[in-house]
N, C-alpha and C. Protein backbone atom coordinates (compact mmCIF):
# COMPACT_ATOMS: atom_id res chain seq x y z
N MET A 1 101.53 111.21 -70.47
CA MET A 1 102.26 110.16 -69.79
C MET A 1 101.49 108.85 -69.83
N SER A 2 100.17 108.93 -69.74
CA SER A 2 99.39 107.69 -69.73
C SER A 2 99.50 106.96 -71.06
N VAL A 3 99.63 107.73 -72.13
CA VAL A 3 99.77 107.11 -73.46
C VAL A 3 101.09 106.34 -73.53
N LEU A 4 102.15 106.94 -73.03
CA LEU A 4 103.46 106.27 -73.04
C LEU A 4 103.43 105.04 -72.14
N LYS A 5 102.75 105.14 -71.00
CA LYS A 5 102.65 103.99 -70.10
C LYS A 5 101.88 102.84 -70.76
N GLN A 6 100.81 103.18 -71.49
CA GLN A 6 100.04 102.15 -72.17
C GLN A 6 100.88 101.46 -73.24
N ALA A 7 101.69 102.24 -73.94
CA ALA A 7 102.56 101.66 -74.97
C ALA A 7 103.59 100.73 -74.33
N GLU A 8 104.12 101.14 -73.17
CA GLU A 8 105.08 100.31 -72.46
C GLU A 8 104.45 99.00 -72.00
N MET A 9 103.15 99.03 -71.72
CA MET A 9 102.45 97.84 -71.25
C MET A 9 102.11 96.89 -72.40
N GLY A 10 102.40 97.29 -73.63
CA GLY A 10 102.21 96.37 -74.73
C GLY A 10 101.11 96.70 -75.72
N LEU A 11 100.36 97.75 -75.49
CA LEU A 11 99.34 98.14 -76.45
C LEU A 11 100.01 98.61 -77.74
N PRO A 12 99.51 98.19 -78.89
CA PRO A 12 100.10 98.60 -80.16
C PRO A 12 100.02 100.13 -80.35
N VAL A 13 101.11 100.71 -80.80
CA VAL A 13 101.20 102.17 -80.98
C VAL A 13 100.13 102.65 -81.96
N LYS A 14 99.93 101.93 -83.05
CA LYS A 14 98.93 102.35 -84.04
C LYS A 14 97.54 102.43 -83.44
N ASP A 15 97.20 101.48 -82.57
CA ASP A 15 95.89 101.52 -81.91
C ASP A 15 95.79 102.70 -80.95
N LEU A 16 96.86 102.94 -80.21
CA LEU A 16 96.88 104.04 -79.25
C LEU A 16 96.71 105.39 -79.92
N ILE A 17 97.49 105.63 -80.97
CA ILE A 17 97.43 106.94 -81.62
C ILE A 17 96.07 107.17 -82.29
N ARG A 18 95.49 106.12 -82.82
CA ARG A 18 94.16 106.24 -83.42
C ARG A 18 93.14 106.54 -82.33
N GLN A 19 93.29 105.90 -81.19
CA GLN A 19 92.35 106.05 -80.08
C GLN A 19 92.34 107.47 -79.52
N ILE A 20 93.52 108.08 -79.36
CA ILE A 20 93.56 109.42 -78.78
C ILE A 20 93.62 110.52 -79.83
N GLY A 21 93.80 110.17 -81.09
CA GLY A 21 93.74 111.15 -82.16
C GLY A 21 95.00 111.97 -82.37
N ILE A 22 96.16 111.33 -82.25
CA ILE A 22 97.41 112.01 -82.54
C ILE A 22 98.13 111.29 -83.66
N THR A 23 99.15 111.93 -84.21
CA THR A 23 99.92 111.27 -85.26
C THR A 23 101.01 110.41 -84.64
N GLU A 24 101.55 109.53 -85.44
CA GLU A 24 102.64 108.67 -84.97
C GLU A 24 103.87 109.53 -84.65
N GLN A 25 104.07 110.56 -85.44
CA GLN A 25 105.20 111.46 -85.21
C GLN A 25 105.09 112.13 -83.84
N THR A 26 103.88 112.57 -83.47
CA THR A 26 103.66 113.18 -82.16
C THR A 26 103.95 112.18 -81.05
N PHE A 27 103.49 110.95 -81.20
CA PHE A 27 103.74 109.93 -80.19
C PHE A 27 105.24 109.75 -79.96
N TYR A 28 106.00 109.61 -81.05
CA TYR A 28 107.43 109.37 -80.89
C TYR A 28 108.17 110.61 -80.40
N ARG A 29 107.65 111.79 -80.70
CA ARG A 29 108.26 113.01 -80.14
C ARG A 29 108.04 113.04 -78.63
N TRP A 30 106.80 112.69 -78.19
CA TRP A 30 106.52 112.61 -76.76
C TRP A 30 107.41 111.57 -76.10
N LYS A 31 107.58 110.45 -76.77
CA LYS A 31 108.40 109.37 -76.21
C LYS A 31 109.84 109.82 -76.04
N ARG A 32 110.36 110.55 -77.03
CA ARG A 32 111.73 111.05 -76.96
C ARG A 32 111.86 112.08 -75.84
N GLN A 33 110.86 112.97 -75.71
CA GLN A 33 110.94 114.03 -74.70
C GLN A 33 110.69 113.51 -73.29
N TYR A 34 109.67 112.68 -73.14
CA TYR A 34 109.21 112.32 -71.80
C TYR A 34 109.45 110.87 -71.42
N GLY A 35 109.99 110.08 -72.31
CA GLY A 35 110.23 108.68 -72.01
C GLY A 35 111.16 108.52 -70.83
N GLY A 36 110.79 107.70 -69.89
CA GLY A 36 111.63 107.45 -68.72
C GLY A 36 111.38 108.41 -67.57
N LEU A 37 110.54 109.43 -67.78
CA LEU A 37 110.25 110.37 -66.70
C LEU A 37 108.96 109.97 -66.00
N GLU A 38 108.88 110.30 -64.73
CA GLU A 38 107.66 110.09 -63.96
C GLU A 38 106.76 111.31 -64.14
N SER A 39 105.50 111.18 -63.77
CA SER A 39 104.53 112.27 -63.94
C SER A 39 104.97 113.56 -63.26
N ASP A 40 105.48 113.44 -62.03
CA ASP A 40 105.90 114.65 -61.32
C ASP A 40 107.11 115.30 -61.99
N GLN A 41 107.97 114.49 -62.59
CA GLN A 41 109.13 115.04 -63.29
C GLN A 41 108.70 115.77 -64.55
N VAL A 42 107.71 115.24 -65.26
CA VAL A 42 107.19 115.91 -66.45
C VAL A 42 106.56 117.24 -66.07
N ARG A 43 105.79 117.25 -64.99
CA ARG A 43 105.16 118.48 -64.51
C ARG A 43 106.22 119.52 -64.16
N GLU A 44 107.27 119.07 -63.47
CA GLU A 44 108.35 119.98 -63.09
C GLU A 44 109.08 120.50 -64.32
N LEU A 45 109.31 119.63 -65.30
CA LEU A 45 109.96 120.04 -66.54
C LEU A 45 109.16 121.12 -67.25
N LYS A 46 107.84 120.94 -67.33
CA LYS A 46 106.99 121.95 -67.97
C LYS A 46 107.06 123.28 -67.22
N GLN A 47 107.08 123.23 -65.90
CA GLN A 47 107.17 124.46 -65.11
C GLN A 47 108.50 125.17 -65.36
N VAL A 48 109.57 124.41 -65.44
CA VAL A 48 110.89 125.00 -65.68
C VAL A 48 110.94 125.63 -67.08
N VAL A 49 110.37 124.96 -68.06
CA VAL A 49 110.35 125.49 -69.43
C VAL A 49 109.54 126.79 -69.48
N GLU A 50 108.39 126.82 -68.81
CA GLU A 50 107.57 128.04 -68.76
C GLU A 50 108.31 129.17 -68.08
N GLU A 51 108.96 128.88 -66.96
CA GLU A 51 109.72 129.90 -66.23
C GLU A 51 110.88 130.41 -67.08
N ASN A 52 111.54 129.52 -67.79
CA ASN A 52 112.64 129.91 -68.66
C ASN A 52 112.14 130.86 -69.75
N GLY A 53 111.01 130.56 -70.35
CA GLY A 53 110.43 131.43 -71.37
C GLY A 53 110.08 132.80 -70.81
N ARG A 54 109.51 132.80 -69.60
CA ARG A 54 109.16 134.07 -68.95
C ARG A 54 110.41 134.91 -68.69
N LEU A 55 111.46 134.27 -68.21
CA LEU A 55 112.71 134.98 -67.93
C LEU A 55 113.36 135.51 -69.21
N LYS A 56 113.30 134.73 -70.29
CA LYS A 56 113.84 135.19 -71.57
C LYS A 56 113.11 136.43 -72.07
N ARG A 57 111.77 136.43 -71.94
CA ARG A 57 110.99 137.60 -72.35
C ARG A 57 111.36 138.82 -71.50
N LEU A 58 111.54 138.60 -70.20
CA LEU A 58 111.91 139.67 -69.29
C LEU A 58 113.26 140.26 -69.66
N VAL A 59 114.23 139.41 -69.95
CA VAL A 59 115.55 139.88 -70.35
C VAL A 59 115.47 140.67 -71.66
N ALA A 60 114.67 140.20 -72.61
CA ALA A 60 114.52 140.90 -73.88
C ALA A 60 113.91 142.28 -73.67
N GLU A 61 112.88 142.37 -72.82
CA GLU A 61 112.24 143.66 -72.54
C GLU A 61 113.22 144.62 -71.86
N LEU A 62 113.97 144.12 -70.89
CA LEU A 62 114.93 144.97 -70.19
C LEU A 62 116.06 145.42 -71.11
N SER A 63 116.49 144.55 -72.00
CA SER A 63 117.53 144.91 -72.96
C SER A 63 117.04 146.00 -73.90
N LEU A 64 115.79 145.90 -74.33
CA LEU A 64 115.20 146.92 -75.19
C LEU A 64 115.09 148.24 -74.44
N ASP A 65 114.62 148.20 -73.20
CA ASP A 65 114.53 149.41 -72.38
C ASP A 65 115.90 150.07 -72.24
N LYS A 66 116.91 149.28 -71.99
CA LYS A 66 118.27 149.80 -71.82
C LYS A 66 118.74 150.46 -73.11
N ALA A 67 118.50 149.82 -74.24
CA ALA A 67 118.93 150.38 -75.52
C ALA A 67 118.22 151.71 -75.80
N VAL A 68 116.93 151.78 -75.49
CA VAL A 68 116.18 153.03 -75.70
C VAL A 68 116.73 154.12 -74.81
N LEU A 69 116.98 153.81 -73.55
CA LEU A 69 117.52 154.81 -72.63
C LEU A 69 118.90 155.29 -73.05
N GLN A 70 119.74 154.38 -73.50
CA GLN A 70 121.08 154.76 -73.97
C GLN A 70 120.98 155.65 -75.20
N ASP A 71 120.04 155.37 -76.08
CA ASP A 71 119.84 156.17 -77.28
C ASP A 71 119.39 157.58 -76.90
N VAL A 72 118.45 157.68 -75.97
CA VAL A 72 117.97 158.99 -75.53
C VAL A 72 119.09 159.76 -74.85
N LEU A 73 119.86 159.09 -74.01
CA LEU A 73 120.97 159.74 -73.33
C LEU A 73 122.01 160.25 -74.31
N SER A 74 122.34 159.47 -75.30
CA SER A 74 123.38 159.88 -76.26
C SER A 74 122.92 161.06 -77.09
N LYS A 75 121.63 161.24 -77.29
CA LYS A 75 121.12 162.38 -78.06
C LYS A 75 121.03 163.64 -77.22
N LYS A 76 120.82 163.51 -75.90
CA LYS A 76 120.67 164.66 -75.04
C LYS A 76 122.02 165.24 -74.57
N LEU A 77 122.98 164.39 -74.29
CA LEU A 77 124.23 164.83 -73.69
C LEU A 77 125.08 165.76 -74.56
N PRO A 78 125.29 165.50 -75.84
CA PRO A 78 126.19 166.36 -76.62
C PRO A 78 125.71 167.82 -76.70
N GLY A 79 124.43 168.06 -76.70
CA GLY A 79 123.91 169.43 -76.82
C GLY A 79 123.83 170.17 -75.52
N GLN A 80 123.96 169.50 -74.39
CA GLN A 80 123.81 170.15 -73.10
C GLN A 80 125.16 170.42 -72.48
N ARG A 81 125.23 171.55 -71.73
CA ARG A 81 126.46 171.86 -71.00
C ARG A 81 126.12 172.06 -69.54
N SER A 82 126.98 171.55 -68.68
CA SER A 82 126.74 171.68 -67.24
C SER A 82 127.31 172.95 -66.70
């Protein structure tokens, strides 16, 4: 965020990117993603993205567990009689 703020204050982008050691493409990607957001909003966005990733992994694991259980059930039931 501080890099974007410095650019907004008038520091040349080429000087900024050289100073912090990033590419121009990275700077403009950050500007597109985080431009106009405050620091707390960026922090909250990162937390939401992390939580979303965690939930996606959880859903994938549960879906796999369900598929395995259904497969085991379908193999056991036809041969058994109550």
